[in-house]
Protein backbone atom coordinates (compact mmCIF):
# COMPACT_ATOMS: atom_id res chain seq x y z
CA UNK A 1 105.58 102.40 69.94
CA UNK A 2 108.68 101.01 71.64
CA UNK A 3 109.35 102.20 75.19
CA UNK A 4 112.24 99.85 75.87
CA UNK A 5 115.63 101.54 76.00
CA UNK A 6 118.31 98.86 75.84
CA UNK A 7 121.10 101.39 76.41
CA UNK A 8 119.56 102.33 79.76
CA UNK A 9 119.79 98.87 81.25
CA UNK A 10 122.62 96.64 82.30
CA UNK A 11 120.72 93.37 82.02
CA UNK A 12 122.23 91.49 79.08
CA UNK A 13 119.31 89.06 78.82
CA UNK A 14 116.76 91.81 78.23
CA UNK A 15 119.01 93.43 75.63
CA UNK A 16 119.27 90.14 73.75
CA UNK A 17 115.55 89.37 73.89
CA UNK A 18 114.20 92.87 73.33
CA UNK A 19 111.24 94.49 74.96
CA UNK A 20 109.46 92.44 77.63
CA UNK A 21 106.15 94.13 76.73
CA UNK A 22 104.83 91.33 74.45
CA UNK A 23 105.45 88.76 77.19
CA UNK A 24 103.72 90.94 79.78
CA UNK A 25 100.70 91.48 77.50
CA UNK A 26 100.52 87.75 76.71
CA UNK A 27 100.67 86.89 80.43
CA UNK A 28 97.94 89.40 81.28
CA UNK A 29 95.75 88.11 78.46
CA UNK A 30 96.10 84.52 79.59
CA UNK A 31 95.57 85.19 83.30
CA UNK A 32 92.51 87.36 82.59
CA UNK A 33 91.04 84.65 80.37
CA UNK A 34 91.67 82.08 83.10
CA UNK A 35 90.00 84.31 85.74
CA UNK A 36 87.02 84.86 83.44
CA UNK A 37 86.67 81.12 82.78
CA UNK A 38 86.97 80.36 86.50
CA UNK A 39 83.99 82.64 87.19
CA UNK A 40 82.04 80.97 84.40
CA UNK A 41 82.91 77.49 85.60
CA UNK A 42 82.06 78.23 89.23
CA UNK A 43 78.73 79.74 88.18
CA UNK A 44 77.89 76.57 86.23
CA UNK A 45 78.96 74.40 89.16
CA UNK A 46 76.83 76.43 91.58
CA UNK A 47 73.71 75.34 89.74
CA UNK A 48 74.49 71.62 90.00
CA UNK A 49 73.76 69.78 93.23
CA UNK A 50 76.88 68.31 94.78
CA UNK A 51 79.26 69.77 92.21
CA UNK A 52 82.73 70.63 93.42
CA UNK A 53 83.09 74.40 93.54
CA UNK A 54 86.06 76.69 92.95
CA UNK A 55 87.13 78.24 96.25
CA UNK A 56 86.77 81.95 96.82
CA UNK A 57 90.48 82.05 97.64
CA UNK A 58 91.26 80.69 94.17
CA UNK A 59 88.99 83.29 92.55
CA UNK A 60 90.71 86.10 94.45
CA UNK A 61 94.15 84.65 93.70
CA UNK A 62 93.41 84.71 89.98
CA UNK A 63 92.56 88.41 90.31
CA UNK A 64 95.64 89.19 92.42
CA UNK A 65 97.90 87.47 89.88
CA UNK A 66 96.73 89.96 87.24
CA UNK A 67 93.31 88.68 86.21
CA UNK A 68 91.21 91.31 87.94
CA UNK A 69 89.66 92.60 84.69
CA UNK A 70 88.65 89.08 83.64
CA UNK A 71 87.29 88.32 87.11
CA UNK A 72 85.23 91.53 87.16
CA UNK A 73 83.88 90.88 83.66
CA UNK A 74 83.01 87.32 84.66
CA UNK A 75 81.26 88.52 87.80
CA UNK A 76 79.17 91.03 85.86
CA UNK A 77 78.43 88.91 82.80
CA UNK A 78 77.46 85.76 84.71
CA UNK A 79 75.99 87.55 87.76
CA UNK A 80 78.28 85.48 89.95
CA UNK A 81 79.37 86.46 93.47
CA UNK A 82 77.61 89.81 93.09
CA UNK A 83 75.81 89.43 96.43
CA UNK A 84 79.05 89.12 98.36
CA UNK A 85 80.32 92.54 99.42
CA UNK A 86 83.92 91.36 99.51
CA UNK A 87 83.73 90.46 95.82
CA UNK A 88 81.77 93.55 94.81
CA UNK A 89 84.29 95.84 96.53
CA UNK A 90 87.35 93.60 96.58
CA UNK A 91 87.77 92.90 92.87
CA UNK A 92 87.63 96.58 91.82
CA UNK A 93 89.97 97.43 94.70
CA UNK A 94 92.48 94.87 93.45
CA UNK A 95 92.20 96.37 89.96
CA UNK A 96 92.78 99.89 91.31
CA UNK A 97 95.83 98.74 93.27
CA UNK A 98 97.22 97.02 90.18
CA UNK A 99 96.67 100.14 88.07
CA UNK A 100 98.36 102.25 90.76
CA UNK A 101 101.31 99.86 90.79
CA UNK A 102 101.54 100.00 86.99
CA UNK A 103 101.53 103.81 87.04
CA UNK A 104 104.20 103.86 89.76
CA UNK A 105 106.41 101.44 87.82
CA UNK A 106 105.90 103.46 84.64
CA UNK A 107 106.79 106.67 86.45
CA UNK A 108 109.94 105.23 88.03
CA UNK A 109 111.28 103.51 84.92
CA UNK A 110 110.06 105.66 82.05
CA UNK A 111 109.87 109.25 83.30
CA UNK A 112 112.77 111.52 82.59
């Protein structure tokens, strides 16, 4: 299903390349994998004495950059950061905001 309408845009670069959807999906796949692996790595590091940990800011940044699904799956699968209310509520909130943004963008650009 192709939702890209090249005749509706004036950006020559997008017309020449085609739909940006594959790039967006690839980006989201990579950033979610990275967020998931960051949760896994930090959980492993938490069990080793003196190991250098991944900061909570970095974990939240990975979610904000589009990896909220991977971060949530990593939290649940590895039981990591599940005692911190700001992770338990913050990660799903980030996901909901991202979904709301996606719906708003879809509505603005693809509704008739």
